[in-house]
Every structure is written in structure tokens, then in C-alpha cells.
Amino acid sequence: MKNYYYSDGLTTHGPFSLEELRAKKLSRNAMVRVESSEKWLPAEQFPELEGSFGEEPVAASPTYSRETANVPMPRTWFVESILVTIFCCLPFGIAGIVNAARVETKYNCGDIAGAQRSSEEAGKWTQIGFWIAVAGFVIYLAFLAVVFALDRY
């Protein structure tokens, strides 16, 4: 009589006789080995276990429809966010990068509305950072003009 062991991924259980193991209603992917062997194999590879598998859990279906084939992906603003982060405004650029990274993920999951919202947020933070940098540069040039003008007197 053969003795069998199975693993749930954390713990090894056994030894069990064939009848005891069949009563466990293992999944087809449960790892099983015979006592005389050190090799673990999926339960479905043991012909003597055929017909004793439990119900496979059904994966939950996504809550979003997969109708992205005819809807273009919204603008990600990823490159622009990185440039704003590097050249001017770190906090606004990081907010833009985080939202830009979410656009493609949400789009690929079928969440078109979420991808659009993330795109709008990424664009908002990237543009705020850009215009603050432009305003800072203009103020700096005005300051230099005043300094040079006063230096001549």
C-alpha cells in the first residue's frame, strides 16, 4: 500500500492512504508525492486520484467591461511629469508621475473612466509645476533686470 503526502504551500500533510487522500478533495494543482519518492507533482498527474478533485475556485470577474479596443488610451503625461520633476518642481512633478503611472494600468484593466481621471490629474499637476517654474523664471529675470539697472547708478 502506497502512502501519499500533499502540501498546501506552507505545510506538508500526511502520510495518507489513497482512500484518505481521495477524501480530501484536493485541487488539481495541489502538490502531491508518494512516500517512496522525493519528487512533488501536481495532483492531476496521479491517475489514481482522477475523479476525486474538489471544485476549482472560480475567479471573480472584473468589475469593468473590456471594451478598450475601440477607445484610445488617454494621454499619460509621463514624460512631461518627469521633465517637470527634474527641471523645476519636485512635489508637483511627483504627483504628476504617480497619476501618469495609473493611466495605463487602469486602461489595461478596462477602467476607462478611471484612466481618464488619472490622465486629467497627471496633466493638472504637471501643468501647475510647469507654470510655477515659468513664473519663477520670469520673476528671476525681473530681479536680475532690477539689480543690473540699480548697479549702473
N, C-alpha and C. Protein backbone atom coordinates (compact mmCIF):
# COMPACT_ATOMS: atom_id res chain seq x y z
N MET A 1 0.84 -1.18 0.00
CA MET A 1 0.00 0.00 0.00
C MET A 1 0.89 1.24 0.00
N LYS A 2 0.59 2.17 -0.91
CA LYS A 2 1.35 3.41 -1.01
C LYS A 2 0.81 4.43 -0.02
N ASN A 3 1.72 5.23 0.50
CA ASN A 3 1.33 6.37 1.32
C ASN A 3 1.63 7.64 0.56
N TYR A 4 0.75 8.62 0.70
CA TYR A 4 0.86 9.87 -0.05
C TYR A 4 0.98 11.04 0.93
N TYR A 5 1.64 12.09 0.45
CA TYR A 5 1.73 13.35 1.18
C TYR A 5 1.25 14.44 0.24
N TYR A 6 0.67 15.48 0.80
CA TYR A 6 0.33 16.65 -0.01
C TYR A 6 0.75 17.90 0.73
N SER A 7 0.94 18.96 -0.02
CA SER A 7 1.35 20.23 0.56
C SER A 7 0.35 21.31 0.18
N ASP A 8 0.02 22.15 1.15
CA ASP A 8 -0.87 23.29 0.89
C ASP A 8 -0.08 24.55 0.58
N GLY A 9 1.22 24.39 0.41
CA GLY A 9 2.09 25.53 0.12
C GLY A 9 2.87 25.99 1.34
N LEU A 10 2.34 25.67 2.52
CA LEU A 10 3.02 26.05 3.76
C LEU A 10 3.44 24.83 4.57
N THR A 11 2.58 23.83 4.59
CA THR A 11 2.80 22.66 5.43
C THR A 11 2.62 21.39 4.62
N THR A 12 3.43 20.40 4.95
CA THR A 12 3.27 19.08 4.35
C THR A 12 2.34 18.26 5.24
N HIS A 13 1.36 17.61 4.63
CA HIS A 13 0.39 16.81 5.36
C HIS A 13 0.53 15.35 4.93
N GLY A 14 0.40 14.44 5.89
CA GLY A 14 0.46 13.03 5.56
C GLY A 14 1.25 12.26 6.59
N PRO A 15 1.37 11.00 6.42
CA PRO A 15 1.01 10.18 5.27
C PRO A 15 -0.48 9.84 5.26
N PHE A 16 -0.99 9.64 4.03
CA PHE A 16 -2.38 9.25 3.82
C PHE A 16 -2.41 8.06 2.89
N SER A 17 -3.39 7.21 3.11
CA SER A 17 -3.64 6.13 2.15
C SER A 17 -4.33 6.77 0.94
N LEU A 18 -4.46 6.01 -0.14
CA LEU A 18 -5.11 6.53 -1.34
C LEU A 18 -6.55 6.94 -1.04
N GLU A 19 -7.28 6.14 -0.27
CA GLU A 19 -8.67 6.46 0.05
C GLU A 19 -8.76 7.74 0.87
N GLU A 20 -7.85 7.90 1.84
CA GLU A 20 -7.86 9.11 2.68
C GLU A 20 -7.54 10.35 1.85
N LEU A 21 -6.59 10.20 0.94
CA LEU A 21 -6.20 11.33 0.09
C LEU A 21 -7.33 11.71 -0.86
N ARG A 22 -8.02 10.71 -1.42
CA ARG A 22 -9.14 10.99 -2.32
C ARG A 22 -10.26 11.72 -1.57
N ALA A 23 -10.43 11.41 -0.28
CA ALA A 23 -11.47 12.03 0.54
C ALA A 23 -11.15 13.51 0.82
N LYS A 24 -9.91 13.92 0.69
CA LYS A 24 -9.51 15.30 0.95
C LYS A 24 -10.01 16.27 -0.12
N LYS A 25 -10.41 15.75 -1.29
CA LYS A 25 -10.91 16.58 -2.39
C LYS A 25 -9.91 17.70 -2.73
N LEU A 26 -8.68 17.32 -3.00
CA LEU A 26 -7.63 18.29 -3.32
C LEU A 26 -7.91 18.97 -4.65
N SER A 27 -7.31 20.12 -4.85
CA SER A 27 -7.40 20.76 -6.16
C SER A 27 -6.44 20.06 -7.11
N ARG A 28 -6.64 20.24 -8.39
CA ARG A 28 -5.79 19.61 -9.39
C ARG A 28 -4.34 20.09 -9.29
N ASN A 29 -4.14 21.30 -8.75
CA ASN A 29 -2.80 21.88 -8.68
C ASN A 29 -2.10 21.63 -7.35
N ALA A 30 -2.77 20.95 -6.41
CA ALA A 30 -2.13 20.64 -5.13
C ALA A 30 -0.91 19.76 -5.38
N MET A 31 0.15 20.02 -4.66
CA MET A 31 1.38 19.25 -4.85
C MET A 31 1.32 17.99 -3.99
N VAL A 32 1.57 16.85 -4.64
CA VAL A 32 1.46 15.54 -4.01
C VAL A 32 2.73 14.76 -4.29
N ARG A 33 3.12 13.91 -3.34
CA ARG A 33 4.23 12.98 -3.58
C ARG A 33 3.91 11.64 -2.94
N VAL A 34 4.51 10.62 -3.49
CA VAL A 34 4.40 9.27 -2.94
C VAL A 34 5.52 9.12 -1.93
N GLU A 35 5.28 8.34 -0.88
CA GLU A 35 6.25 8.17 0.20
C GLU A 35 7.61 7.68 -0.31
N SER A 36 7.60 6.88 -1.34
CA SER A 36 8.85 6.31 -1.86
C SER A 36 9.62 7.28 -2.75
N SER A 37 9.06 8.46 -3.01
CA SER A 37 9.70 9.42 -3.91
C SER A 37 9.84 10.78 -3.20
N GLU A 38 10.82 11.51 -3.59
CA GLU A 38 11.01 12.87 -3.06
C GLU A 38 10.48 13.92 -4.04
N LYS A 39 9.97 13.48 -5.19
CA LYS A 39 9.53 14.40 -6.24
C LYS A 39 8.07 14.79 -6.04
N TRP A 40 7.81 16.11 -5.95
CA TRP A 40 6.45 16.63 -5.80
C TRP A 40 5.87 16.90 -7.18
N LEU A 41 4.65 16.46 -7.39
CA LEU A 41 3.96 16.65 -8.67
C LEU A 41 2.56 17.17 -8.41
N PRO A 42 1.98 17.90 -9.38
CA PRO A 42 0.58 18.30 -9.22
C PRO A 42 -0.31 17.06 -9.12
N ALA A 43 -1.36 17.16 -8.32
CA ALA A 43 -2.25 16.02 -8.09
C ALA A 43 -2.84 15.48 -9.39
N GLU A 44 -3.05 16.35 -10.38
CA GLU A 44 -3.65 15.90 -11.63
C GLU A 44 -2.76 14.93 -12.39
N GLN A 45 -1.49 14.83 -12.03
CA GLN A 45 -0.58 13.91 -12.71
C GLN A 45 -0.60 12.50 -12.10
N PHE A 46 -1.42 12.30 -11.08
CA PHE A 46 -1.58 10.98 -10.48
C PHE A 46 -2.87 10.37 -10.99
N PRO A 47 -2.80 9.37 -11.87
CA PRO A 47 -4.02 8.78 -12.44
C PRO A 47 -4.95 8.20 -11.38
N GLU A 48 -4.39 7.71 -10.27
CA GLU A 48 -5.21 7.11 -9.23
C GLU A 48 -6.07 8.14 -8.48
N LEU A 49 -5.77 9.43 -8.64
CA LEU A 49 -6.56 10.48 -7.98
C LEU A 49 -7.63 11.05 -8.90
N GLU A 50 -7.65 10.64 -10.15
CA GLU A 50 -8.62 11.17 -11.12
C GLU A 50 -10.04 10.93 -10.61
N GLY A 51 -10.87 11.97 -10.70
CA GLY A 51 -12.25 11.87 -10.27
C GLY A 51 -12.46 12.26 -8.82
N SER A 52 -11.39 12.58 -8.10
CA SER A 52 -11.54 12.92 -6.69
C SER A 52 -11.22 14.38 -6.39
N PHE A 53 -11.07 15.16 -7.42
CA PHE A 53 -10.69 16.56 -7.20
C PHE A 53 -11.88 17.38 -6.77
N GLY A 54 -11.62 18.35 -5.88
CA GLY A 54 -12.66 19.25 -5.44
C GLY A 54 -12.94 20.30 -6.49
N GLU A 55 -13.94 21.10 -6.24
CA GLU A 55 -14.30 22.19 -7.15
C GLU A 55 -13.17 23.21 -7.18
N GLU A 56 -12.82 23.63 -8.36
CA GLU A 56 -11.83 24.70 -8.50
C GLU A 56 -12.50 26.02 -8.16
N PRO A 57 -11.84 26.88 -7.39
CA PRO A 57 -12.45 28.18 -7.11
C PRO A 57 -12.60 28.99 -8.39
N VAL A 58 -13.73 29.63 -8.55
CA VAL A 58 -13.98 30.45 -9.72
C VAL A 58 -13.44 31.84 -9.46
N ALA A 59 -12.62 32.32 -10.36
CA ALA A 59 -12.06 33.66 -10.20
C ALA A 59 -13.16 34.70 -10.37
N ALA A 60 -13.08 35.71 -9.54
CA ALA A 60 -14.07 36.79 -9.63
C ALA A 60 -13.86 37.53 -10.94
N SER A 61 -14.94 37.84 -11.60
CA SER A 61 -14.83 38.55 -12.86
C SER A 61 -14.55 40.02 -12.58
N PRO A 62 -13.80 40.68 -13.44
CA PRO A 62 -13.51 42.09 -13.23
C PRO A 62 -14.79 42.91 -13.28
N THR A 63 -14.78 44.01 -12.55
CA THR A 63 -15.97 44.84 -12.48
C THR A 63 -16.05 45.79 -13.67
N TYR A 64 -15.02 45.85 -14.49
CA TYR A 64 -15.01 46.76 -15.62
C TYR A 64 -15.19 45.98 -16.91
N SER A 65 -15.84 46.59 -17.86
CA SER A 65 -16.00 45.92 -19.14
C SER A 65 -14.72 46.05 -19.94
N ARG A 66 -14.47 45.10 -20.78
CA ARG A 66 -13.23 45.09 -21.58
C ARG A 66 -13.54 45.63 -22.97
N GLU A 67 -13.97 46.87 -23.05
CA GLU A 67 -14.31 47.48 -24.32
C GLU A 67 -13.28 48.54 -24.71
N THR A 68 -12.01 48.24 -24.48
CA THR A 68 -10.97 49.22 -24.76
C THR A 68 -10.45 49.15 -26.18
N ALA A 69 -10.91 48.18 -26.95
CA ALA A 69 -10.38 48.02 -28.30
C ALA A 69 -10.69 49.23 -29.17
N ASN A 70 -11.84 49.86 -28.98
CA ASN A 70 -12.21 50.99 -29.83
C ASN A 70 -12.08 52.33 -29.10
N VAL A 71 -11.58 52.34 -27.85
CA VAL A 71 -11.39 53.58 -27.10
C VAL A 71 -9.89 53.83 -26.96
N PRO A 72 -9.42 54.96 -27.47
CA PRO A 72 -7.98 55.23 -27.35
C PRO A 72 -7.58 55.51 -25.91
N MET A 73 -6.36 55.14 -25.56
CA MET A 73 -5.87 55.38 -24.20
C MET A 73 -5.67 56.88 -24.00
N PRO A 74 -6.10 57.41 -22.85
CA PRO A 74 -5.88 58.83 -22.58
C PRO A 74 -4.38 59.15 -22.49
N ARG A 75 -4.05 60.40 -22.67
CA ARG A 75 -2.67 60.85 -22.58
C ARG A 75 -2.13 60.57 -21.19
N THR A 76 -0.91 60.05 -21.10
CA THR A 76 -0.36 59.68 -19.79
C THR A 76 0.36 60.83 -19.09
N TRP A 77 0.92 61.76 -19.81
CA TRP A 77 1.70 62.87 -19.25
C TRP A 77 2.96 62.39 -18.53
N PHE A 78 3.40 61.18 -18.81
CA PHE A 78 4.52 60.61 -18.06
C PHE A 78 5.84 61.35 -18.33
N VAL A 79 6.17 61.54 -19.59
CA VAL A 79 7.43 62.22 -19.93
C VAL A 79 7.43 63.65 -19.42
N GLU A 80 6.32 64.34 -19.60
CA GLU A 80 6.22 65.73 -19.15
C GLU A 80 6.37 65.82 -17.63
N SER A 81 5.78 64.88 -16.92
CA SER A 81 5.88 64.87 -15.46
C SER A 81 7.31 64.65 -15.00
N ILE A 82 8.02 63.77 -15.69
CA ILE A 82 9.42 63.53 -15.34
C ILE A 82 10.25 64.77 -15.59
N LEU A 83 10.02 65.44 -16.73
CA LEU A 83 10.78 66.66 -17.02
C LEU A 83 10.49 67.76 -16.01
N VAL A 84 9.23 67.93 -15.61
CA VAL A 84 8.89 68.93 -14.59
C VAL A 84 9.58 68.58 -13.27
N THR A 85 9.61 67.30 -12.93
CA THR A 85 10.27 66.87 -11.70
C THR A 85 11.76 67.18 -11.74
N ILE A 86 12.40 66.88 -12.84
CA ILE A 86 13.85 67.08 -12.95
C ILE A 86 14.22 68.56 -12.99
N PHE A 87 13.51 69.34 -13.79
CA PHE A 87 13.94 70.70 -14.05
C PHE A 87 13.34 71.77 -13.15
N CYS A 88 12.27 71.48 -12.46
CA CYS A 88 11.71 72.59 -11.69
C CYS A 88 11.05 72.21 -10.38
N CYS A 89 9.92 71.61 -10.40
CA CYS A 89 9.10 71.49 -9.20
C CYS A 89 8.92 70.04 -8.79
N LEU A 90 9.73 69.60 -7.87
CA LEU A 90 9.72 68.21 -7.43
C LEU A 90 8.36 67.75 -6.91
N PRO A 91 7.70 68.44 -5.99
CA PRO A 91 6.42 67.91 -5.47
C PRO A 91 5.34 67.78 -6.54
N PHE A 92 5.21 68.79 -7.40
CA PHE A 92 4.18 68.73 -8.44
C PHE A 92 4.52 67.68 -9.49
N GLY A 93 5.79 67.53 -9.79
CA GLY A 93 6.22 66.52 -10.75
C GLY A 93 5.96 65.11 -10.25
N ILE A 94 6.21 64.88 -8.96
CA ILE A 94 5.96 63.55 -8.40
C ILE A 94 4.47 63.22 -8.43
N ALA A 95 3.63 64.20 -8.08
CA ALA A 95 2.18 63.98 -8.16
C ALA A 95 1.78 63.65 -9.59
N GLY A 96 2.40 64.32 -10.56
CA GLY A 96 2.12 64.02 -11.96
C GLY A 96 2.58 62.63 -12.35
N ILE A 97 3.75 62.21 -11.89
CA ILE A 97 4.27 60.88 -12.22
C ILE A 97 3.37 59.79 -11.65
N VAL A 98 2.95 59.96 -10.39
CA VAL A 98 2.09 58.95 -9.76
C VAL A 98 0.80 58.78 -10.55
N ASN A 99 0.17 59.89 -10.91
CA ASN A 99 -1.08 59.80 -11.67
C ASN A 99 -0.84 59.31 -13.09
N ALA A 100 0.28 59.69 -13.69
CA ALA A 100 0.59 59.23 -15.04
C ALA A 100 0.78 57.72 -15.07
N ALA A 101 1.38 57.17 -14.03
CA ALA A 101 1.60 55.72 -13.98
C ALA A 101 0.28 54.96 -13.85
N ARG A 102 -0.72 55.58 -13.29
CA ARG A 102 -2.02 54.93 -13.12
C ARG A 102 -2.84 54.87 -14.41
N VAL A 103 -2.55 55.75 -15.35
CA VAL A 103 -3.37 55.83 -16.56
C VAL A 103 -3.35 54.51 -17.32
N GLU A 104 -2.17 54.02 -17.65
CA GLU A 104 -2.07 52.81 -18.46
C GLU A 104 -2.59 51.59 -17.70
N THR A 105 -2.31 51.53 -16.39
CA THR A 105 -2.79 50.40 -15.60
C THR A 105 -4.31 50.34 -15.60
N LYS A 106 -4.94 51.47 -15.34
CA LYS A 106 -6.41 51.49 -15.32
C LYS A 106 -6.98 51.21 -16.70
N TYR A 107 -6.36 51.72 -17.72
CA TYR A 107 -6.84 51.48 -19.09
C TYR A 107 -6.77 49.99 -19.42
N ASN A 108 -5.66 49.36 -19.09
CA ASN A 108 -5.49 47.94 -19.39
C ASN A 108 -6.43 47.05 -18.58
N CYS A 109 -6.89 47.55 -17.42
CA CYS A 109 -7.87 46.81 -16.61
C CYS A 109 -9.28 47.05 -17.10
N GLY A 110 -9.46 47.93 -18.07
CA GLY A 110 -10.78 48.22 -18.60
C GLY A 110 -11.48 49.37 -17.92
N ASP A 111 -10.81 50.04 -16.99
CA ASP A 111 -11.39 51.17 -16.26
C ASP A 111 -11.11 52.45 -17.05
N ILE A 112 -11.88 52.67 -18.10
CA ILE A 112 -11.66 53.81 -18.99
C ILE A 112 -11.89 55.13 -18.24
N ALA A 113 -12.94 55.20 -17.46
CA ALA A 113 -13.23 56.44 -16.71
C ALA A 113 -12.12 56.73 -15.71
N GLY A 114 -11.63 55.70 -15.03
CA GLY A 114 -10.53 55.89 -14.08
C GLY A 114 -9.26 56.32 -14.77
N ALA A 115 -8.99 55.77 -15.95
CA ALA A 115 -7.80 56.18 -16.71
C ALA A 115 -7.92 57.64 -17.13
N GLN A 116 -9.12 58.06 -17.52
CA GLN A 116 -9.34 59.46 -17.91
C GLN A 116 -9.13 60.39 -16.72
N ARG A 117 -9.65 60.00 -15.54
CA ARG A 117 -9.46 60.82 -14.33
C ARG A 117 -7.98 60.93 -13.97
N SER A 118 -7.26 59.82 -14.04
CA SER A 118 -5.83 59.83 -13.73
C SER A 118 -5.06 60.69 -14.73
N SER A 119 -5.47 60.64 -15.99
CA SER A 119 -4.83 61.47 -17.02
C SER A 119 -5.05 62.95 -16.73
N GLU A 120 -6.28 63.29 -16.34
CA GLU A 120 -6.58 64.69 -16.02
C GLU A 120 -5.79 65.16 -14.80
N GLU A 121 -5.68 64.30 -13.80
CA GLU A 121 -4.91 64.66 -12.60
C GLU A 121 -3.42 64.82 -12.93
N ALA A 122 -2.88 63.90 -13.73
CA ALA A 122 -1.47 63.98 -14.13
C ALA A 122 -1.23 65.27 -14.90
N GLY A 123 -2.13 65.59 -15.83
CA GLY A 123 -1.99 66.83 -16.60
C GLY A 123 -2.08 68.06 -15.72
N LYS A 124 -3.00 68.03 -14.76
CA LYS A 124 -3.17 69.18 -13.87
C LYS A 124 -1.89 69.44 -13.07
N TRP A 125 -1.34 68.40 -12.42
CA TRP A 125 -0.16 68.61 -11.59
C TRP A 125 1.07 68.93 -12.43
N THR A 126 1.18 68.36 -13.60
CA THR A 126 2.31 68.66 -14.47
C THR A 126 2.25 70.11 -14.95
N GLN A 127 1.07 70.57 -15.33
CA GLN A 127 0.93 71.94 -15.80
C GLN A 127 1.11 72.95 -14.67
N ILE A 128 0.63 72.63 -13.48
CA ILE A 128 0.85 73.53 -12.34
C ILE A 128 2.34 73.67 -12.09
N GLY A 129 3.05 72.54 -12.07
CA GLY A 129 4.51 72.60 -11.86
C GLY A 129 5.21 73.38 -12.95
N PHE A 130 4.80 73.20 -14.20
CA PHE A 130 5.42 73.92 -15.31
C PHE A 130 5.19 75.42 -15.20
N TRP A 131 3.95 75.85 -14.94
CA TRP A 131 3.66 77.28 -14.89
C TRP A 131 4.27 77.94 -13.66
N ILE A 132 4.41 77.22 -12.57
CA ILE A 132 5.13 77.78 -11.41
C ILE A 132 6.60 77.98 -11.77
N ALA A 133 7.16 77.04 -12.51
CA ALA A 133 8.56 77.19 -12.94
C ALA A 133 8.71 78.38 -13.88
N VAL A 134 7.78 78.55 -14.81
CA VAL A 134 7.83 79.68 -15.74
C VAL A 134 7.72 80.99 -14.96
N ALA A 135 6.78 81.05 -14.01
CA ALA A 135 6.61 82.27 -13.21
C ALA A 135 7.87 82.54 -12.40
N GLY A 136 8.47 81.52 -11.83
CA GLY A 136 9.71 81.69 -11.07
C GLY A 136 10.84 82.22 -11.95
N PHE A 137 10.91 81.71 -13.17
CA PHE A 137 11.95 82.16 -14.10
C PHE A 137 11.74 83.62 -14.49
N VAL A 138 10.48 84.01 -14.73
CA VAL A 138 10.17 85.40 -15.08
C VAL A 138 10.51 86.32 -13.91
N ILE A 139 10.16 85.92 -12.71
CA ILE A 139 10.48 86.72 -11.52
C ILE A 139 11.99 86.84 -11.37
N TYR A 140 12.72 85.76 -11.61
CA TYR A 140 14.18 85.79 -11.53
C TYR A 140 14.76 86.75 -12.56
N LEU A 141 14.25 86.70 -13.81
CA LEU A 141 14.75 87.64 -14.83
C LEU A 141 14.42 89.08 -14.47
N ALA A 142 13.23 89.33 -13.91
CA ALA A 142 12.87 90.69 -13.48
C ALA A 142 13.80 91.14 -12.36
N PHE A 143 14.10 90.26 -11.44
CA PHE A 143 15.02 90.60 -10.35
C PHE A 143 16.41 90.94 -10.90
N LEU A 144 16.90 90.16 -11.86
CA LEU A 144 18.20 90.45 -12.47
C LEU A 144 18.18 91.79 -13.20
N ALA A 145 17.08 92.10 -13.88
CA ALA A 145 16.97 93.38 -14.59
C ALA A 145 17.02 94.53 -13.59
N VAL A 146 16.34 94.41 -12.46
CA VAL A 146 16.35 95.46 -11.45
C VAL A 146 17.74 95.60 -10.85
N VAL A 147 18.40 94.49 -10.57
CA VAL A 147 19.75 94.54 -9.99
C VAL A 147 20.71 95.21 -10.96
N PHE A 148 20.68 94.85 -12.23
CA PHE A 148 21.58 95.47 -13.21
C PHE A 148 21.24 96.94 -13.43
N ALA A 149 19.96 97.27 -13.38
CA ALA A 149 19.56 98.67 -13.55
C ALA A 149 20.06 99.52 -12.37
N LEU A 150 19.95 99.01 -11.17
CA LEU A 150 20.41 99.75 -10.00
C LEU A 150 21.93 99.77 -9.91
N ASP A 151 22.58 98.80 -10.49
CA ASP A 151 24.03 98.72 -10.44
C ASP A 151 24.66 99.83 -11.27
N ARG A 152 23.97 100.34 -12.25
CA ARG A 152 24.53 101.37 -13.12
C ARG A 152 24.52 102.73 -12.43
N TYR A 153 23.73 102.91 -11.42
CA TYR A 153 23.67 104.23 -10.76
C TYR A 153 24.64 104.35 -9.67
